[in-house]
PDB file of N, CA and C in Angstrom:
ATOM      1  N   MET A   1      46.738 178.579  72.069  1.00  0.00           N
ATOM      2  CA  MET A   1      45.986 179.595  72.769  1.00  0.00           C
ATOM      3  C   MET A   1      46.719 180.931  72.640  1.00  0.00           C
ATOM      4  N   LYS A   2      46.017 181.921  72.225  1.00  0.00           N
ATOM      5  CA  LYS A   2      46.594 183.245  72.032  1.00  0.00           C
ATOM      6  C   LYS A   2      46.643 183.983  73.374  1.00  0.00           C
ATOM      7  N   THR A   3      47.799 184.518  73.693  1.00  0.00           N
ATOM      8  CA  THR A   3      47.965 185.213  74.964  1.00  0.00           C
ATOM      9  C   THR A   3      47.756 186.708  74.767  1.00  0.00           C
ATOM     10  N   ASP A   4      46.954 187.296  75.609  1.00  0.00           N
ATOM     11  CA  ASP A   4      46.652 188.720  75.545  1.00  0.00           C
ATOM     12  C   ASP A   4      47.863 189.525  76.010  1.00  0.00           C
ATOM     13  N   ARG A   5      48.406 190.384  75.150  1.00  0.00           N
ATOM     14  CA  ARG A   5      49.601 191.166  75.491  1.00  0.00           C
ATOM     15  C   ARG A   5      49.385 192.082  76.696  1.00  0.00           C
ATOM     16  N   TYR A   6      48.215 192.675  76.806  1.00  0.00           N
ATOM     17  CA  TYR A   6      47.938 193.546  77.953  1.00  0.00           C
ATOM     18  C   TYR A   6      48.003 192.739  79.248  1.00  0.00           C
ATOM     19  N   PHE A   7      47.417 191.552  79.231  1.00  0.00           N
ATOM     20  CA  PHE A   7      47.417 190.688  80.401  1.00  0.00           C
ATOM     21  C   PHE A   7      48.846 190.338  80.803  1.00  0.00           C
ATOM     22  N   ILE A   8      49.675 189.995  79.838  1.00  0.00           N
ATOM     23  CA  ILE A   8      51.062 189.634  80.128  1.00  0.00           C
ATOM     24  C   ILE A   8      51.834 190.834  80.671  1.00  0.00           C
ATOM     25  N   SER A   9      51.650 192.006  80.085  1.00  0.00           N
ATOM     26  CA  SER A   9      52.372 193.175  80.595  1.00  0.00           C
ATOM     27  C   SER A   9      51.931 193.513  82.012  1.00  0.00           C
ATOM     28  N   THR A  10      50.665 193.272  82.315  1.00  0.00           N
ATOM     29  CA  THR A  10      50.179 193.476  83.676  1.00  0.00           C
ATOM     30  C   THR A  10      50.824 192.467  84.618  1.00  0.00           C
ATOM     31  N   LEU A  11      50.943 191.232  84.176  1.00  0.00           N
ATOM     32  CA  LEU A  11      51.581 190.202  84.993  1.00  0.00           C
ATOM     33  C   LEU A  11      53.024 190.550  85.317  1.00  0.00           C
ATOM     34  N   ILE A  12      53.740 191.073  84.330  1.00  0.00           N
ATOM     35  CA  ILE A  12      55.149 191.384  84.534  1.00  0.00           C
ATOM     36  C   ILE A  12      55.336 192.418  85.638  1.00  0.00           C
ATOM     37  N   SER A  13      54.468 193.404  85.703  1.00  0.00           N
ATOM     38  CA  SER A  13      54.648 194.483  86.668  1.00  0.00           C
ATOM     39  C   SER A  13      54.013 194.204  88.032  1.00  0.00           C
ATOM     40  N   TYR A  14      53.204 193.175  88.138  1.00  0.00           N
ATOM     41  CA  TYR A  14      52.470 192.894  89.368  1.00  0.00           C
ATOM     42  C   TYR A  14      53.218 191.895  90.251  1.00  0.00           C
ATOM     43  N   ILE A  15      53.302 192.157  91.533  1.00  0.00           N
ATOM     44  CA  ILE A  15      53.882 191.205  92.476  1.00  0.00           C
ATOM     45  C   ILE A  15      52.738 190.599  93.286  1.00  0.00           C
ATOM     46  N   ALA A  16      52.646 189.276  93.260  1.00  0.00           N
ATOM     47  CA  ALA A  16      51.560 188.581  93.945  1.00  0.00           C
ATOM     48  C   ALA A  16      51.703 188.714  95.457  1.00  0.00           C
ATOM     49  N   GLN A  17      50.609 188.588  96.171  1.00  0.00           N
ATOM     50  CA  GLN A  17      50.632 188.690  97.629  1.00  0.00           C
ATOM     51  C   GLN A  17      51.469 187.588  98.259  1.00  0.00           C
ATOM     52  N   LYS A  18      51.664 186.497  97.559  1.00  0.00           N
ATOM     53  CA  LYS A  18      52.476 185.405  98.080  1.00  0.00           C
ATOM     54  C   LYS A  18      53.962 185.719  98.003  1.00  0.00           C
ATOM     55  N   LYS A  19      54.306 186.926  97.572  1.00  0.00           N
ATOM     56  CA  LYS A  19      55.686 187.388  97.452  1.00  0.00           C
ATOM     57  C   LYS A  19      56.428 186.718  96.304  1.00  0.00           C
ATOM     58  N   TYR A  20      55.704 186.231  95.317  1.00  0.00           N
ATOM     59  CA  TYR A  20      56.335 185.697  94.121  1.00  0.00           C
ATOM     60  C   TYR A  20      56.233 186.724  93.013  1.00  0.00           C
ATOM     61  N   ALA A  21      57.298 186.912  92.262  1.00  0.00           N
ATOM     62  CA  ALA A  21      57.204 187.704  91.041  1.00  0.00           C
ATOM     63  C   ALA A  21      56.425 186.855  90.050  1.00  0.00           C
ATOM     64  N   ASN A  22      55.763 187.466  89.122  1.00  0.00           N
ATOM     65  CA  ASN A  22      54.900 186.739  88.208  1.00  0.00           C
ATOM     66  C   ASN A  22      55.611 185.707  87.365  1.00  0.00           C
ATOM     67  N   ILE A  23      56.878 185.918  87.086  1.00  0.00           N
ATOM     68  CA  ILE A  23      57.600 184.900  86.339  1.00  0.00           C
ATOM     69  C   ILE A  23      57.628 183.605  87.152  1.00  0.00           C
ATOM     70  N   HIS A  24      57.689 183.730  88.469  1.00  0.00           N
ATOM     71  CA  HIS A  24      57.660 182.553  89.333  1.00  0.00           C
ATOM     72  C   HIS A  24      56.285 181.888  89.300  1.00  0.00           C
ATOM     73  N   GLU A  25      55.237 182.676  89.246  1.00  0.00           N
ATOM     74  CA  GLU A  25      53.880 182.123  89.153  1.00  0.00           C
ATOM     75  C   GLU A  25      53.724 181.322  87.869  1.00  0.00           C
ATOM     76  N   ALA A  26      54.230 181.853  86.770  1.00  0.00           N
ATOM     77  CA  ALA A  26      54.147 181.145  85.490  1.00  0.00           C
ATOM     78  C   ALA A  26      54.917 179.832  85.555  1.00  0.00           C
ATOM     79  N   VAL A  27      56.090 179.857  86.166  1.00  0.00           N
ATOM     80  CA  VAL A  27      56.888 178.635  86.314  1.00  0.00           C
ATOM     81  C   VAL A  27      56.150 177.626  87.182  1.00  0.00           C
ATOM     82  N   ASN A  28      55.657 178.070  88.336  1.00  0.00           N
ATOM     83  CA  ASN A  28      54.953 177.163  89.247  1.00  0.00           C
ATOM     84  C   ASN A  28      53.713 176.559  88.615  1.00  0.00           C
ATOM     85  N   ALA A  29      53.071 177.312  87.716  1.00  0.00           N
ATOM     86  CA  ALA A  29      51.883 176.810  87.027  1.00  0.00           C
ATOM     87  C   ALA A  29      52.252 175.967  85.810  1.00  0.00           C
ATOM     88  N   GLY A  30      53.527 175.969  85.443  1.00  0.00           N
ATOM     89  CA  GLY A  30      53.948 175.230  84.257  1.00  0.00           C
ATOM     90  C   GLY A  30      53.461 175.866  82.967  1.00  0.00           C
ATOM     91  N   ASP A  31      53.205 177.174  83.006  1.00  0.00           N
ATOM     92  CA  ASP A  31      52.662 177.888  81.853  1.00  0.00           C
ATOM     93  C   ASP A  31      53.799 178.364  80.951  1.00  0.00           C
ATOM     94  N   VAL A  32      54.184 177.502  80.017  1.00  0.00           N
ATOM     95  CA  VAL A  32      55.308 177.775  79.129  1.00  0.00           C
ATOM     96  C   VAL A  32      55.039 178.985  78.238  1.00  0.00           C
ATOM     97  N   VAL A  33      53.820 179.114  77.727  1.00  0.00           N
ATOM     98  CA  VAL A  33      53.476 180.229  76.840  1.00  0.00           C
ATOM     99  C   VAL A  33      53.624 181.560  77.574  1.00  0.00           C
ATOM    100  N   ALA A  34      53.069 181.655  78.778  1.00  0.00           N
ATOM    101  CA  ALA A  34      53.175 182.896  79.548  1.00  0.00           C
ATOM    102  C   ALA A  34      54.630 183.185  79.889  1.00  0.00           C
ATOM    103  N   LEU A  35      55.370 182.162  80.257  1.00  0.00           N
ATOM    104  CA  LEU A  35      56.770 182.343  80.616  1.00  0.00           C
ATOM    105  C   LEU A  35      57.585 182.844  79.429  1.00  0.00           C
ATOM    106  N   GLU A  36      57.415 182.225  78.271  1.00  0.00           N
ATOM    107  CA  GLU A  36      58.136 182.668  77.075  1.00  0.00           C
ATOM    108  C   GLU A  36      57.790 184.114  76.737  1.00  0.00           C
ATOM    109  N   THR A  37      56.517 184.453  76.859  1.00  0.00           N
ATOM    110  CA  THR A  37      56.071 185.811  76.551  1.00  0.00           C
ATOM    111  C   THR A  37      56.673 186.812  77.525  1.00  0.00           C
ATOM    112  N   MET A  38      56.703 186.461  78.808  1.00  0.00           N
ATOM    113  CA  MET A  38      57.277 187.352  79.812  1.00  0.00           C
ATOM    114  C   MET A  38      58.760 187.585  79.565  1.00  0.00           C
ATOM    115  N   VAL A  39      59.483 186.518  79.255  1.00  0.00           N
ATOM    116  CA  VAL A  39      60.921 186.646  79.012  1.00  0.00           C
ATOM    117  C   VAL A  39      61.171 187.505  77.774  1.00  0.00           C
ATOM    118  N   LYS A  40      60.398 187.283  76.718  1.00  0.00           N
ATOM    119  CA  LYS A  40      60.549 188.092  75.502  1.00  0.00           C
ATOM    120  C   LYS A  40      60.219 189.559  75.766  1.00  0.00           C
ATOM    121  N   ALA A  41      59.324 189.805  76.733  1.00  0.00           N
ATOM    122  CA  ALA A  41      58.928 191.178  77.063  1.00  0.00           C
ATOM    123  C   ALA A  41      59.881 191.831  78.056  1.00  0.00           C
ATOM    124  N   GLY A  42      60.887 191.082  78.521  1.00  0.00           N
ATOM    125  CA  GLY A  42      61.895 191.675  79.385  1.00  0.00           C
ATOM    126  C   GLY A  42      61.909 191.218  80.827  1.00  0.00           C
ATOM    127  N   ALA A  43      61.082 190.251  81.195  1.00  0.00           N
ATOM    128  CA  ALA A  43      61.106 189.746  82.571  1.00  0.00           C
ATOM    129  C   ALA A  43      62.454 189.074  82.828  1.00  0.00           C
ATOM    130  N   SER A  44      62.988 189.283  84.005  1.00  0.00           N
ATOM    131  CA  SER A  44      64.303 188.738  84.343  1.00  0.00           C
ATOM    132  C   SER A  44      64.207 187.277  84.762  1.00  0.00           C
ATOM    133  N   ILE A  45      65.037 186.436  84.138  1.00  0.00           N
ATOM    134  CA  ILE A  45      65.069 185.028  84.532  1.00  0.00           C
ATOM    135  C   ILE A  45      65.915 184.838  85.786  1.00  0.00           C
ATOM    136  N   ASN A  46      66.547 185.911  86.240  1.00  0.00           N
ATOM    137  CA  ASN A  46      67.347 185.858  87.462  1.00  0.00           C
ATOM    138  C   ASN A  46      66.611 186.436  88.663  1.00  0.00           C
ATOM    139  N   GLU A  47      65.330 186.779  88.477  1.00  0.00           N
ATOM    140  CA  GLU A  47      64.505 187.337  89.554  1.00  0.00           C
ATOM    141  C   GLU A  47      64.433 186.336  90.711  1.00  0.00           C
ATOM    142  N   VAL A  48      64.688 186.815  91.914  1.00  0.00           N
ATOM    143  CA  VAL A  48      64.625 185.964  93.107  1.00  0.00           C
ATOM    144  C   VAL A  48      63.362 186.318  93.872  1.00  0.00           C
ATOM    145  N   ASN A  49      62.542 185.290  94.193  1.00  0.00           N
ATOM    146  CA  ASN A  49      61.324 185.595  94.942  1.00  0.00           C
ATOM    147  C   ASN A  49      61.672 185.880  96.397  1.00  0.00           C
ATOM    148  N   GLU A  50      60.819 186.651  97.048  1.00  0.00           N
ATOM    149  CA  GLU A  50      61.090 187.082  98.416  1.00  0.00           C
ATOM    150  C   GLU A  50      60.883 185.965  99.429  1.00  0.00           C
ATOM    151  N   ARG A  51      59.945 185.091  99.162  1.00  0.00           N
ATOM    152  CA  ARG A  51      59.582 184.075 100.143  1.00  0.00           C
ATOM    153  C   ARG A  51      60.654 183.000 100.312  1.00  0.00           C
ATOM    154  N   ASP A  52      61.080 182.397  99.201  1.00  0.00           N
ATOM    155  CA  ASP A  52      62.018 181.275  99.272  1.00  0.00           C
ATOM    156  C   ASP A  52      63.420 181.612  98.793  1.00  0.00           C
ATOM    157  N   LYS A  53      63.567 182.806  98.213  1.00  0.00           N
ATOM    158  CA  LYS A  53      64.831 183.210  97.590  1.00  0.00           C
ATOM    159  C   LYS A  53      65.182 182.289  96.422  1.00  0.00           C
ATOM    160  N   PHE A  54      64.143 181.873  95.669  1.00  0.00           N
ATOM    161  CA  PHE A  54      64.310 180.996  94.514  1.00  0.00           C
ATOM    162  C   PHE A  54      64.325 181.804  93.221  1.00  0.00           C
ATOM    163  N   THR A  55      65.145 181.378  92.280  1.00  0.00           N
ATOM    164  CA  THR A  55      65.070 181.893  90.915  1.00  0.00           C
ATOM    165  C   THR A  55      63.983 181.082  90.199  1.00  0.00           C
ATOM    166  N   PRO A  56      63.575 181.492  89.004  1.00  0.00           N
ATOM    167  CA  PRO A  56      62.601 180.690  88.262  1.00  0.00           C
ATOM    168  C   PRO A  56      63.075 179.249  88.036  1.00  0.00           C
ATOM    169  N   LEU A  57      64.367 179.056  87.785  1.00  0.00           N
ATOM    170  CA  LEU A  57      64.867 177.694  87.587  1.00  0.00           C
ATOM    171  C   LEU A  57      64.739 176.873  88.864  1.00  0.00           C
ATOM    172  N   HIS A  58      65.036 177.475  90.012  1.00  0.00           N
ATOM    173  CA  HIS A  58      64.843 176.772  91.287  1.00  0.00           C
ATOM    174  C   HIS A  58      63.388 176.331  91.430  1.00  0.00           C
ATOM    175  N   CYS A  59      62.464 177.246  91.108  1.00  0.00           N
ATOM    176  CA  CYS A  59      61.035 176.929  91.208  1.00  0.00           C
ATOM    177  C   CYS A  59      60.661 175.789  90.280  1.00  0.00           C
ATOM    178  N   ALA A  60      61.171 175.824  89.048  1.00  0.00           N
ATOM    179  CA  ALA A  60      60.859 174.769  88.077  1.00  0.00           C
ATOM    180  C   ALA A  60      61.315 173.412  88.601  1.00  0.00           C
ATOM    181  N   CYS A  61      62.512 173.366  89.157  1.00  0.00           N
ATOM    182  CA  CYS A  61      63.024 172.110  89.716  1.00  0.00           C
ATOM    183  C   CYS A  61      62.218 171.684  90.933  1.00  0.00           C
ATOM    184  N   ASN A  62      61.837 172.644  91.755  1.00  0.00           N
ATOM    185  CA  ASN A  62      61.096 172.361  92.983  1.00  0.00           C
ATOM    186  C   ASN A  62      59.727 171.749  92.714  1.00  0.00           C
ATOM    187  N   VAL A  63      59.053 172.217  91.655  1.00  0.00           N
ATOM    188  CA  VAL A  63      57.707 171.703  91.354  1.00  0.00           C
ATOM    189  C   VAL A  63      57.715 170.644  90.264  1.00  0.00           C
ATOM    190  N   GLY A  64      58.891 170.309  89.750  1.00  0.00           N
ATOM    191  CA  GLY A  64      58.986 169.284  88.719  1.00  0.00           C
ATOM    192  C   GLY A  64      58.460 169.724  87.368  1.00  0.00           C
ATOM    193  N   ALA A  65      58.576 171.003  87.070  1.00  0.00           N
ATOM    194  CA  ALA A  65      58.088 171.540  85.795  1.00  0.00           C
ATOM    195  C   ALA A  65      59.159 171.343  84.725  1.00  0.00           C
ATOM    196  N   LEU A  66      59.216 170.142  84.179  1.00  0.00           N
ATOM    197  CA  LEU A  66      60.258 169.804  83.218  1.00  0.00           C
ATOM    198  C   LEU A  66      60.170 170.614  81.936  1.00  0.00           C
ATOM    199  N   GLU A  67      58.938 170.891  81.479  1.00  0.00           N
ATOM    200  CA  GLU A  67      58.767 171.666  80.246  1.00  0.00           C
ATOM    201  C   GLU A  67      59.349 173.060  80.420  1.00  0.00           C
ATOM    202  N   VAL A  68      59.169 173.600  81.612  1.00  0.00           N
ATOM    203  CA  VAL A  68      59.656 174.950  81.904  1.00  0.00           C
ATOM    204  C   VAL A  68      61.176 174.945  82.021  1.00  0.00           C
ATOM    205  N   SER A  69      61.725 173.979  82.723  1.00  0.00           N
ATOM    206  CA  SER A  69      63.178 173.941  82.887  1.00  0.00           C
ATOM    207  C   SER A  69      63.872 173.672  81.559  1.00  0.00           C
ATOM    208  N   ALA A  70      63.169 173.074  80.608  1.00  0.00           N
ATOM    209  CA  ALA A  70      63.735 172.829  79.278  1.00  0.00           C
ATOM    210  C   ALA A  70      63.930 174.121  78.499  1.00  0.00           C
ATOM    211  N   LEU A  71      63.330 175.219  78.954  1.00  0.00           N
ATOM    212  CA  LEU A  71      63.502 176.513  78.288  1.00  0.00           C
ATOM    213  C   LEU A  71      64.876 177.111  78.567  1.00  0.00           C
ATOM    214  N   LYS A  72      65.676 176.411  79.330  1.00  0.00           N
ATOM    215  CA  LYS A  72      67.034 176.848  79.675  1.00  0.00           C
ATOM    216  C   LYS A  72      67.033 178.168  80.424  1.00  0.00           C
ATOM    217  N   LEU A  73      66.254 178.195  81.486  1.00  0.00           N
ATOM    218  CA  LEU A  73      66.234 179.369  82.351  1.00  0.00           C
ATOM    219  C   LEU A  73      67.605 179.525  82.963  1.00  0.00           C
TER     220      LEU A  73
END
């Protein structure tokens, strides 16, 4: 599936109402393609969400997203 670059750049700059940075949303959804694209575009893998104070790796472990955690966040 081809990912729209405009959509991804919008995701990177947008903070969801749930207080998750979009990189966390991609991790929670298990969306490896979006996550890889965000990281390549400069999204921080050390971003801490406001709600739980989780990094993307914490989120991946919390939801059991093994494919995502395999990206070596």
